[in-house]
Amino acid sequence: MTTETIAGTAAAVQSDITAMLRTMLEEDGLDDAEITRETTFHDDLELESIDLVTLAGSLREHYGDRVNLALFIADLDLEQIIALTVGELIDYVAASLHADGQV
């Protein structure tokens, strides 16, 4: 797998995740929030645990069983969950897709 393939996958995943988050934020009236790789779910986007459950459902619906946000979060401690960034989620999803041979 080439570096261009990996970078292309990460860019596509970032676009997908950003769209999912925009939809969630619009429902909460926070649709003007900036979303970058450094954006945190807790502090910047003010997402609660129920929002992560919603995001997990969106990820599973879009990518299928190969992306399991609950399993990813289960391996993190509380401080890591609070500090979780959009970029870390993008990297996890891209790695999951590569590991499954879907890219």
PDB file of N, CA and C in Angstrom:
ATOM      1  N   MET A   1       0.851  -1.176   0.000  1.00  0.00           N
ATOM      2  CA  MET A   1       0.000   0.000   0.000  1.00  0.00           C
ATOM      3  C   MET A   1       0.893   1.235   0.000  1.00  0.00           C
ATOM      4  N   THR A   2       0.556   2.180  -0.834  1.00  0.00           N
ATOM      5  CA  THR A   2       1.397   3.357  -0.976  1.00  0.00           C
ATOM      6  C   THR A   2       1.015   4.447   0.017  1.00  0.00           C
ATOM      7  N   THR A   3       1.945   5.361   0.185  1.00  0.00           N
ATOM      8  CA  THR A   3       1.688   6.501   1.062  1.00  0.00           C
ATOM      9  C   THR A   3       0.531   7.336   0.522  1.00  0.00           C
ATOM     10  N   GLU A   4       0.440   7.445  -0.826  1.00  0.00           N
ATOM     11  CA  GLU A   4      -0.659   8.207  -1.420  1.00  0.00           C
ATOM     12  C   GLU A   4      -2.007   7.563  -1.115  1.00  0.00           C
ATOM     13  N   THR A   5      -2.049   6.216  -1.129  1.00  0.00           N
ATOM     14  CA  THR A   5      -3.297   5.514  -0.831  1.00  0.00           C
ATOM     15  C   THR A   5      -3.724   5.779   0.603  1.00  0.00           C
ATOM     16  N   ILE A   6      -2.768   5.686   1.516  1.00  0.00           N
ATOM     17  CA  ILE A   6      -3.072   5.925   2.930  1.00  0.00           C
ATOM     18  C   ILE A   6      -3.532   7.368   3.136  1.00  0.00           C
ATOM     19  N   ALA A   7      -2.825   8.316   2.530  1.00  0.00           N
ATOM     20  CA  ALA A   7      -3.197   9.726   2.670  1.00  0.00           C
ATOM     21  C   ALA A   7      -4.572   9.985   2.060  1.00  0.00           C
ATOM     22  N   GLY A   8      -4.853   9.362   0.919  1.00  0.00           N
ATOM     23  CA  GLY A   8      -6.161   9.518   0.281  1.00  0.00           C
ATOM     24  C   GLY A   8      -7.278   8.963   1.135  1.00  0.00           C
ATOM     25  N   THR A   9      -7.011   7.819   1.762  1.00  0.00           N
ATOM     26  CA  THR A   9      -8.008   7.220   2.645  1.00  0.00           C
ATOM     27  C   THR A   9      -8.267   8.124   3.837  1.00  0.00           C
ATOM     28  N   ALA A  10      -7.209   8.641   4.448  1.00  0.00           N
ATOM     29  CA  ALA A  10      -7.368   9.528   5.605  1.00  0.00           C
ATOM     30  C   ALA A  10      -8.153  10.778   5.219  1.00  0.00           C
ATOM     31  N   ALA A  11      -7.897  11.316   4.033  1.00  0.00           N
ATOM     32  CA  ALA A  11      -8.628  12.506   3.585  1.00  0.00           C
ATOM     33  C   ALA A  11     -10.111  12.190   3.389  1.00  0.00           C
ATOM     34  N   ALA A  12     -10.403  11.037   2.808  1.00  0.00           N
ATOM     35  CA  ALA A  12     -11.802  10.636   2.609  1.00  0.00           C
ATOM     36  C   ALA A  12     -12.491  10.406   3.949  1.00  0.00           C
ATOM     37  N   VAL A  13     -11.781   9.751   4.870  1.00  0.00           N
ATOM     38  CA  VAL A  13     -12.339   9.497   6.203  1.00  0.00           C
ATOM     39  C   VAL A  13     -12.583  10.818   6.923  1.00  0.00           C
ATOM     40  N   GLN A  14     -11.641  11.757   6.813  1.00  0.00           N
ATOM     41  CA  GLN A  14     -11.823  13.056   7.458  1.00  0.00           C
ATOM     42  C   GLN A  14     -13.071  13.749   6.914  1.00  0.00           C
ATOM     43  N   SER A  15     -13.268  13.686   5.625  1.00  0.00           N
ATOM     44  CA  SER A  15     -14.456  14.289   5.018  1.00  0.00           C
ATOM     45  C   SER A  15     -15.732  13.630   5.540  1.00  0.00           C
ATOM     46  N   ASP A  16     -15.728  12.297   5.616  1.00  0.00           N
ATOM     47  CA  ASP A  16     -16.898  11.562   6.113  1.00  0.00           C
ATOM     48  C   ASP A  16     -17.207  11.918   7.564  1.00  0.00           C
ATOM     49  N   ILE A  17     -16.177  11.888   8.405  1.00  0.00           N
ATOM     50  CA  ILE A  17     -16.374  12.157   9.832  1.00  0.00           C
ATOM     51  C   ILE A  17     -16.799  13.606  10.057  1.00  0.00           C
ATOM     52  N   THR A  18     -16.203  14.530   9.323  1.00  0.00           N
ATOM     53  CA  THR A  18     -16.594  15.934   9.440  1.00  0.00           C
ATOM     54  C   THR A  18     -18.067  16.108   9.089  1.00  0.00           C
ATOM     55  N   ALA A  19     -18.523  15.440   8.039  1.00  0.00           N
ATOM     56  CA  ALA A  19     -19.936  15.529   7.648  1.00  0.00           C
ATOM     57  C   ALA A  19     -20.840  14.952   8.739  1.00  0.00           C
ATOM     58  N   MET A  20     -20.433  13.826   9.325  1.00  0.00           N
ATOM     59  CA  MET A  20     -21.225  13.223  10.406  1.00  0.00           C
ATOM     60  C   MET A  20     -21.317  14.173  11.598  1.00  0.00           C
ATOM     61  N   LEU A  21     -20.185  14.772  11.948  1.00  0.00           N
ATOM     62  CA  LEU A  21     -20.165  15.696  13.081  1.00  0.00           C
ATOM     63  C   LEU A  21     -20.982  16.949  12.790  1.00  0.00           C
ATOM     64  N   ARG A  22     -20.891  17.464  11.578  1.00  0.00           N
ATOM     65  CA  ARG A  22     -21.688  18.645  11.206  1.00  0.00           C
ATOM     66  C   ARG A  22     -23.177  18.363  11.390  1.00  0.00           C
ATOM     67  N   THR A  23     -23.617  17.187  10.966  1.00  0.00           N
ATOM     68  CA  THR A  23     -25.021  16.813  11.123  1.00  0.00           C
ATOM     69  C   THR A  23     -25.407  16.796  12.596  1.00  0.00           C
ATOM     70  N   MET A  24     -24.551  16.195  13.431  1.00  0.00           N
ATOM     71  CA  MET A  24     -24.825  16.136  14.867  1.00  0.00           C
ATOM     72  C   MET A  24     -24.848  17.536  15.475  1.00  0.00           C
ATOM     73  N   LEU A  25     -23.884  18.362  15.095  1.00  0.00           N
ATOM     74  CA  LEU A  25     -23.772  19.703  15.670  1.00  0.00           C
ATOM     75  C   LEU A  25     -24.923  20.606  15.235  1.00  0.00           C
ATOM     76  N   GLU A  26     -25.402  20.425  14.012  1.00  0.00           N
ATOM     77  CA  GLU A  26     -26.549  21.213  13.549  1.00  0.00           C
ATOM     78  C   GLU A  26     -27.763  20.961  14.428  1.00  0.00           C
ATOM     79  N   GLU A  27     -27.932  19.720  14.849  1.00  0.00           N
ATOM     80  CA  GLU A  27     -29.060  19.376  15.713  1.00  0.00           C
ATOM     81  C   GLU A  27     -28.956  20.062  17.072  1.00  0.00           C
ATOM     82  N   ASP A  28     -27.708  20.335  17.502  1.00  0.00           N
ATOM     83  CA  ASP A  28     -27.483  20.989  18.793  1.00  0.00           C
ATOM     84  C   ASP A  28     -27.287  22.498  18.659  1.00  0.00           C
ATOM     85  N   GLY A  29     -27.408  23.024  17.446  1.00  0.00           N
ATOM     86  CA  GLY A  29     -27.234  24.453  17.229  1.00  0.00           C
ATOM     87  C   GLY A  29     -25.793  24.913  17.285  1.00  0.00           C
ATOM     88  N   LEU A  30     -24.847  24.000  17.092  1.00  0.00           N
ATOM     89  CA  LEU A  30     -23.423  24.344  17.143  1.00  0.00           C
ATOM     90  C   LEU A  30     -22.764  24.166  15.784  1.00  0.00           C
ATOM     91  N   ASP A  31     -23.512  24.389  14.714  1.00  0.00           N
ATOM     92  CA  ASP A  31     -23.018  24.088  13.379  1.00  0.00           C
ATOM     93  C   ASP A  31     -21.909  25.014  12.889  1.00  0.00           C
ATOM     94  N   ASP A  32     -21.570  26.062  13.634  1.00  0.00           N
ATOM     95  CA  ASP A  32     -20.494  26.953  13.225  1.00  0.00           C
ATOM     96  C   ASP A  32     -19.145  26.563  13.831  1.00  0.00           C
ATOM     97  N   ALA A  33     -19.100  25.468  14.574  1.00  0.00           N
ATOM     98  CA  ALA A  33     -17.855  25.032  15.206  1.00  0.00           C
ATOM     99  C   ALA A  33     -16.848  24.592  14.148  1.00  0.00           C
ATOM    100  N   GLU A  34     -15.599  24.991  14.335  1.00  0.00           N
ATOM    101  CA  GLU A  34     -14.533  24.574  13.431  1.00  0.00           C
ATOM    102  C   GLU A  34     -14.156  23.128  13.755  1.00  0.00           C
ATOM    103  N   ILE A  35     -13.999  22.313  12.720  1.00  0.00           N
ATOM    104  CA  ILE A  35     -13.621  20.915  12.910  1.00  0.00           C
ATOM    105  C   ILE A  35     -12.327  20.664  12.150  1.00  0.00           C
ATOM    106  N   THR A  36     -11.257  20.410  12.912  1.00  0.00           N
ATOM    107  CA  THR A  36      -9.957  20.074  12.340  1.00  0.00           C
ATOM    108  C   THR A  36      -9.480  18.781  12.995  1.00  0.00           C
ATOM    109  N   ARG A  37      -8.324  18.301  12.588  1.00  0.00           N
ATOM    110  CA  ARG A  37      -7.763  17.091  13.205  1.00  0.00           C
ATOM    111  C   ARG A  37      -7.488  17.314  14.692  1.00  0.00           C
ATOM    112  N   GLU A  38      -7.206  18.552  15.078  1.00  0.00           N
ATOM    113  CA  GLU A  38      -6.872  18.858  16.471  1.00  0.00           C
ATOM    114  C   GLU A  38      -8.103  19.110  17.338  1.00  0.00           C
ATOM    115  N   THR A  39      -9.259  19.200  16.742  1.00  0.00           N
ATOM    116  CA  THR A  39     -10.495  19.462  17.480  1.00  0.00           C
ATOM    117  C   THR A  39     -10.787  18.320  18.442  1.00  0.00           C
ATOM    118  N   THR A  40     -11.081  18.664  19.698  1.00  0.00           N
ATOM    119  CA  THR A  40     -11.435  17.624  20.671  1.00  0.00           C
ATOM    120  C   THR A  40     -12.953  17.485  20.741  1.00  0.00           C
ATOM    121  N   PHE A  41     -13.382  16.261  20.992  1.00  0.00           N
ATOM    122  CA  PHE A  41     -14.812  15.999  21.076  1.00  0.00           C
ATOM    123  C   PHE A  41     -15.421  16.617  22.330  1.00  0.00           C
ATOM    124  N   HIS A  42     -14.689  16.561  23.429  1.00  0.00           N
ATOM    125  CA  HIS A  42     -15.232  17.028  24.709  1.00  0.00           C
ATOM    126  C   HIS A  42     -15.162  18.547  24.842  1.00  0.00           C
ATOM    127  N   ASP A  43     -13.957  19.098  24.779  1.00  0.00           N
ATOM    128  CA  ASP A  43     -13.793  20.530  25.042  1.00  0.00           C
ATOM    129  C   ASP A  43     -14.245  21.413  23.884  1.00  0.00           C
ATOM    130  N   ASP A  44     -13.855  21.053  22.663  1.00  0.00           N
ATOM    131  CA  ASP A  44     -14.158  21.917  21.519  1.00  0.00           C
ATOM    132  C   ASP A  44     -15.582  21.743  20.991  1.00  0.00           C
ATOM    133  N   LEU A  45     -16.015  20.501  20.849  1.00  0.00           N
ATOM    134  CA  LEU A  45     -17.342  20.242  20.285  1.00  0.00           C
ATOM    135  C   LEU A  45     -18.413  20.039  21.350  1.00  0.00           C
ATOM    136  N   GLU A  46     -17.980  19.943  22.605  1.00  0.00           N
ATOM    137  CA  GLU A  46     -18.892  19.784  23.744  1.00  0.00           C
ATOM    138  C   GLU A  46     -19.807  18.566  23.602  1.00  0.00           C
ATOM    139  N   LEU A  47     -19.253  17.478  23.044  1.00  0.00           N
ATOM    140  CA  LEU A  47     -20.040  16.260  22.895  1.00  0.00           C
ATOM    141  C   LEU A  47     -20.057  15.482  24.204  1.00  0.00           C
ATOM    142  N   GLU A  48     -21.173  14.890  24.497  1.00  0.00           N
ATOM    143  CA  GLU A  48     -21.362  14.045  25.679  1.00  0.00           C
ATOM    144  C   GLU A  48     -21.254  12.586  25.251  1.00  0.00           C
ATOM    145  N   SER A  49     -21.274  11.691  26.220  1.00  0.00           N
ATOM    146  CA  SER A  49     -21.141  10.267  25.908  1.00  0.00           C
ATOM    147  C   SER A  49     -22.255   9.779  24.987  1.00  0.00           C
ATOM    148  N   ILE A  50     -23.456  10.296  25.139  1.00  0.00           N
ATOM    149  CA  ILE A  50     -24.556   9.884  24.264  1.00  0.00           C
ATOM    150  C   ILE A  50     -24.286  10.303  22.824  1.00  0.00           C
ATOM    151  N   ASP A  51     -23.591  11.428  22.650  1.00  0.00           N
ATOM    152  CA  ASP A  51     -23.224  11.875  21.306  1.00  0.00           C
ATOM    153  C   ASP A  51     -22.215  10.920  20.675  1.00  0.00           C
ATOM    154  N   LEU A  52     -21.309  10.382  21.495  1.00  0.00           N
ATOM    155  CA  LEU A  52     -20.351   9.404  20.976  1.00  0.00           C
ATOM    156  C   LEU A  52     -21.057   8.122  20.564  1.00  0.00           C
ATOM    157  N   VAL A  53     -22.106   7.765  21.284  1.00  0.00           N
ATOM    158  CA  VAL A  53     -22.908   6.595  20.902  1.00  0.00           C
ATOM    159  C   VAL A  53     -23.563   6.851  19.542  1.00  0.00           C
ATOM    160  N   THR A  54     -24.090   8.048  19.355  1.00  0.00           N
ATOM    161  CA  THR A  54     -24.690   8.418  18.069  1.00  0.00           C
ATOM    162  C   THR A  54     -23.649   8.377  16.958  1.00  0.00           C
ATOM    163  N   LEU A  55     -22.463   8.909  17.237  1.00  0.00           N
ATOM    164  CA  LEU A  55     -21.382   8.892  16.255  1.00  0.00           C
ATOM    165  C   LEU A  55     -20.973   7.460  15.934  1.00  0.00           C
ATOM    166  N   ALA A  56     -20.906   6.618  16.950  1.00  0.00           N
ATOM    167  CA  ALA A  56     -20.566   5.206  16.730  1.00  0.00           C
ATOM    168  C   ALA A  56     -21.568   4.555  15.787  1.00  0.00           C
ATOM    169  N   GLY A  57     -22.840   4.871  15.964  1.00  0.00           N
ATOM    170  CA  GLY A  57     -23.871   4.337  15.081  1.00  0.00           C
ATOM    171  C   GLY A  57     -23.700   4.828  13.654  1.00  0.00           C
ATOM    172  N   SER A  58     -23.378   6.093  13.498  1.00  0.00           N
ATOM    173  CA  SER A  58     -23.153   6.654  12.159  1.00  0.00           C
ATOM    174  C   SER A  58     -21.946   6.010  11.489  1.00  0.00           C
ATOM    175  N   LEU A  59     -20.883   5.810  12.260  1.00  0.00           N
ATOM    176  CA  LEU A  59     -19.686   5.165  11.709  1.00  0.00           C
ATOM    177  C   LEU A  59     -19.985   3.736  11.279  1.00  0.00           C
ATOM    178  N   ARG A  60     -20.702   3.007  12.108  1.00  0.00           N
ATOM    179  CA  ARG A  60     -21.041   1.617  11.783  1.00  0.00           C
ATOM    180  C   ARG A  60     -21.949   1.561  10.557  1.00  0.00           C
ATOM    181  N   GLU A  61     -22.905   2.479  10.491  1.00  0.00           N
ATOM    182  CA  GLU A  61     -23.811   2.516   9.335  1.00  0.00           C
ATOM    183  C   GLU A  61     -23.036   2.794   8.048  1.00  0.00           C
ATOM    184  N   HIS A  62     -22.056   3.683   8.125  1.00  0.00           N
ATOM    185  CA  HIS A  62     -21.292   4.078   6.940  1.00  0.00           C
ATOM    186  C   HIS A  62     -20.221   3.051   6.558  1.00  0.00           C
ATOM    187  N   TYR A  63     -19.492   2.536   7.551  1.00  0.00           N
ATOM    188  CA  TYR A  63     -18.347   1.662   7.279  1.00  0.00           C
ATOM    189  C   TYR A  63     -18.605   0.191   7.581  1.00  0.00           C
ATOM    190  N   GLY A  64     -19.690  -0.122   8.245  1.00  0.00           N
ATOM    191  CA  GLY A  64     -19.964  -1.505   8.606  1.00  0.00           C
ATOM    192  C   GLY A  64     -19.227  -1.905   9.876  1.00  0.00           C
ATOM    193  N   ASP A  65     -19.168  -3.195  10.119  1.00  0.00           N
ATOM    194  CA  ASP A  65     -18.587  -3.718  11.361  1.00  0.00           C
ATOM    195  C   ASP A  65     -17.079  -3.529  11.470  1.00  0.00           C
ATOM    196  N   ARG A  66     -16.426  -3.190  10.388  1.00  0.00           N
ATOM    197  CA  ARG A  66     -14.963  -3.049  10.441  1.00  0.00           C
ATOM    198  C   ARG A  66     -14.519  -1.837  11.261  1.00  0.00           C
ATOM    199  N   VAL A  67     -15.435  -0.894  11.543  1.00  0.00           N
ATOM    200  CA  VAL A  67     -15.124   0.265  12.386  1.00  0.00           C
ATOM    201  C   VAL A  67     -16.014   0.193  13.619  1.00  0.00           C
ATOM    202  N   ASN A  68     -15.375  -0.016  14.786  1.00  0.00           N
ATOM    203  CA  ASN A  68     -16.112  -0.193  16.033  1.00  0.00           C
ATOM    204  C   ASN A  68     -15.615   0.844  17.044  1.00  0.00           C
ATOM    205  N   LEU A  69     -16.297   1.974  17.109  1.00  0.00           N
ATOM    206  CA  LEU A  69     -15.885   3.062  18.002  1.00  0.00           C
ATOM    207  C   LEU A  69     -15.909   2.637  19.462  1.00  0.00           C
ATOM    208  N   ALA A  70     -16.888   1.837  19.844  1.00  0.00           N
ATOM    209  CA  ALA A  70     -16.973   1.388  21.243  1.00  0.00           C
ATOM    210  C   ALA A  70     -15.734   0.589  21.628  1.00  0.00           C
ATOM    211  N   LEU A  71     -15.274  -0.273  20.740  1.00  0.00           N
ATOM    212  CA  LEU A  71     -14.077  -1.071  21.007  1.00  0.00           C
ATOM    213  C   LEU A  71     -12.843  -0.176  21.098  1.00  0.00           C
ATOM    214  N   PHE A  72     -12.756   0.809  20.213  1.00  0.00           N
ATOM    215  CA  PHE A  72     -11.642   1.755  20.229  1.00  0.00           C
ATOM    216  C   PHE A  72     -11.611   2.530  21.547  1.00  0.00           C
ATOM    217  N   ILE A  73     -12.749   3.040  21.966  1.00  0.00           N
ATOM    218  CA  ILE A  73     -12.828   3.827  23.200  1.00  0.00           C
ATOM    219  C   ILE A  73     -12.584   2.957  24.430  1.00  0.00           C
ATOM    220  N   ALA A  74     -12.977   1.693  24.365  1.00  0.00           N
ATOM    221  CA  ALA A  74     -12.794   0.793  25.511  1.00  0.00           C
ATOM    222  C   ALA A  74     -11.320   0.625  25.875  1.00  0.00           C
ATOM    223  N   ASP A  75     -10.423   0.825  24.910  1.00  0.00           N
ATOM    224  CA  ASP A  75      -8.989   0.692  25.167  1.00  0.00           C
ATOM    225  C   ASP A  75      -8.360   1.975  25.711  1.00  0.00           C
ATOM    226  N   LEU A  76      -9.148   3.030  25.868  1.00  0.00           N
ATOM    227  CA  LEU A  76      -8.631   4.310  26.350  1.00  0.00           C
ATOM    228  C   LEU A  76      -8.983   4.514  27.816  1.00  0.00           C
ATOM    229  N   ASP A  77      -8.115   5.255  28.532  1.00  0.00           N
ATOM    230  CA  ASP A  77      -8.486   5.613  29.900  1.00  0.00           C
ATOM    231  C   ASP A  77      -9.300   6.912  29.853  1.00  0.00           C
ATOM    232  N   LEU A  78      -9.842   7.318  30.976  1.00  0.00           N
ATOM    233  CA  LEU A  78     -10.749   8.463  31.027  1.00  0.00           C
ATOM    234  C   LEU A  78     -10.114   9.735  30.475  1.00  0.00           C
ATOM    235  N   GLU A  79      -8.864  10.008  30.841  1.00  0.00           N
ATOM    236  CA  GLU A  79      -8.195  11.219  30.357  1.00  0.00           C
ATOM    237  C   GLU A  79      -8.041  11.194  28.842  1.00  0.00           C
ATOM    238  N   GLN A  80      -7.744  10.014  28.286  1.00  0.00           N
ATOM    239  CA  GLN A  80      -7.604   9.891  26.836  1.00  0.00           C
ATOM    240  C   GLN A  80      -8.945  10.099  26.132  1.00  0.00           C
ATOM    241  N   ILE A  81     -10.004   9.622  26.734  1.00  0.00           N
ATOM    242  CA  ILE A  81     -11.334   9.808  26.145  1.00  0.00           C
ATOM    243  C   ILE A  81     -11.696  11.292  26.142  1.00  0.00           C
ATOM    244  N   ILE A  82     -11.439  11.970  27.246  1.00  0.00           N
ATOM    245  CA  ILE A  82     -11.747  13.398  27.346  1.00  0.00           C
ATOM    246  C   ILE A  82     -10.918  14.202  26.345  1.00  0.00           C
ATOM    247  N   ALA A  83      -9.671  13.791  26.118  1.00  0.00           N
ATOM    248  CA  ALA A  83      -8.776  14.511  25.213  1.00  0.00           C
ATOM    249  C   ALA A  83      -8.848  14.013  23.768  1.00  0.00           C
ATOM    250  N   LEU A  84      -9.714  13.057  23.475  1.00  0.00           N
ATOM    251  CA  LEU A  84      -9.802  12.456  22.142  1.00  0.00           C
ATOM    252  C   LEU A  84     -10.053  13.516  21.073  1.00  0.00           C
ATOM    253  N   THR A  85      -9.245  13.464  20.012  1.00  0.00           N
ATOM    254  CA  THR A  85      -9.376  14.432  18.925  1.00  0.00           C
ATOM    255  C   THR A  85      -9.998  13.788  17.689  1.00  0.00           C
ATOM    256  N   VAL A  86     -10.483  14.637  16.826  1.00  0.00           N
ATOM    257  CA  VAL A  86     -11.020  14.175  15.547  1.00  0.00           C
ATOM    258  C   VAL A  86      -9.922  13.448  14.771  1.00  0.00           C
ATOM    259  N   GLY A  87      -8.706  13.952  14.826  1.00  0.00           N
ATOM    260  CA  GLY A  87      -7.586  13.322  14.124  1.00  0.00           C
ATOM    261  C   GLY A  87      -7.315  11.905  14.605  1.00  0.00           C
ATOM    262  N   GLU A  88      -7.415  11.683  15.905  1.00  0.00           N
ATOM    263  CA  GLU A  88      -7.216  10.329  16.431  1.00  0.00           C
ATOM    264  C   GLU A  88      -8.296   9.385  15.921  1.00  0.00           C
ATOM    265  N   LEU A  89      -9.521   9.880  15.834  1.00  0.00           N
ATOM    266  CA  LEU A  89     -10.604   9.053  15.306  1.00  0.00           C
ATOM    267  C   LEU A  89     -10.386   8.776  13.819  1.00  0.00           C
ATOM    268  N   ILE A  90      -9.967   9.782  13.074  1.00  0.00           N
ATOM    269  CA  ILE A  90      -9.677   9.594  11.648  1.00  0.00           C
ATOM    270  C   ILE A  90      -8.605   8.523  11.474  1.00  0.00           C
ATOM    271  N   ASP A  91      -7.536   8.613  12.257  1.00  0.00           N
ATOM    272  CA  ASP A  91      -6.450   7.634  12.165  1.00  0.00           C
ATOM    273  C   ASP A  91      -6.943   6.232  12.490  1.00  0.00           C
ATOM    274  N   TYR A  92      -7.780   6.100  13.515  1.00  0.00           N
ATOM    275  CA  TYR A  92      -8.333   4.795  13.882  1.00  0.00           C
ATOM    276  C   TYR A  92      -9.178   4.224  12.744  1.00  0.00           C
ATOM    277  N   VAL A  93     -10.064   5.039  12.184  1.00  0.00           N
ATOM    278  CA  VAL A  93     -10.941   4.554  11.113  1.00  0.00           C
ATOM    279  C   VAL A  93     -10.114   4.164   9.892  1.00  0.00           C
ATOM    280  N   ALA A  94      -9.169   5.011   9.498  1.00  0.00           N
ATOM    281  CA  ALA A  94      -8.329   4.699   8.335  1.00  0.00           C
ATOM    282  C   ALA A  94      -7.546   3.408   8.565  1.00  0.00           C
ATOM    283  N   ALA A  95      -6.991   3.235   9.763  1.00  0.00           N
ATOM    284  CA  ALA A  95      -6.248   2.011  10.082  1.00  0.00           C
ATOM    285  C   ALA A  95      -7.166   0.793  10.056  1.00  0.00           C
ATOM    286  N   SER A  96      -8.376   0.938  10.549  1.00  0.00           N
ATOM    287  CA  SER A  96      -9.338  -0.172  10.534  1.00  0.00           C
ATOM    288  C   SER A  96      -9.682  -0.572   9.109  1.00  0.00           C
ATOM    289  N   LEU A  97      -9.845   0.397   8.249  1.00  0.00           N
ATOM    290  CA  LEU A  97     -10.158   0.107   6.852  1.00  0.00           C
ATOM    291  C   LEU A  97      -8.985  -0.578   6.163  1.00  0.00           C
ATOM    292  N   HIS A  98      -7.765  -0.131   6.465  1.00  0.00           N
ATOM    293  CA  HIS A  98      -6.573  -0.755   5.881  1.00  0.00           C
ATOM    294  C   HIS A  98      -6.394  -2.175   6.396  1.00  0.00           C
ATOM    295  N   ALA A  99      -6.597  -2.375   7.693  1.00  0.00           N
ATOM    296  CA  ALA A  99      -6.430  -3.706   8.293  1.00  0.00           C
ATOM    297  C   ALA A  99      -7.421  -4.700   7.707  1.00  0.00           C
ATOM    298  N   ASP A 100      -8.573  -4.202   7.339  1.00  0.00           N
ATOM    299  CA  ASP A 100      -9.621  -5.054   6.776  1.00  0.00           C
ATOM    300  C   ASP A 100      -9.431  -5.251   5.272  1.00  0.00           C
ATOM    301  N   GLY A 101      -8.436  -4.565   4.700  1.00  0.00           N
ATOM    302  CA  GLY A 101      -8.177  -4.684   3.277  1.00  0.00           C
ATOM    303  C   GLY A 101      -9.215  -4.007   2.406  1.00  0.00           C
ATOM    304  N   GLN A 102      -9.938  -3.062   2.950  1.00  0.00           N
ATOM    305  CA  GLN A 102     -11.014  -2.402   2.217  1.00  0.00           C
ATOM    306  C   GLN A 102     -10.544  -1.188   1.431  1.00  0.00           C
ATOM    307  N   VAL A 103      -9.256  -0.891   1.485  1.00  0.00           N
ATOM    308  CA  VAL A 103      -8.771   0.285   0.777  1.00  0.00           C
ATOM    309  C   VAL A 103      -7.808  -0.126  -0.292  1.00  0.00           C
TER     310      VAL A 103
END
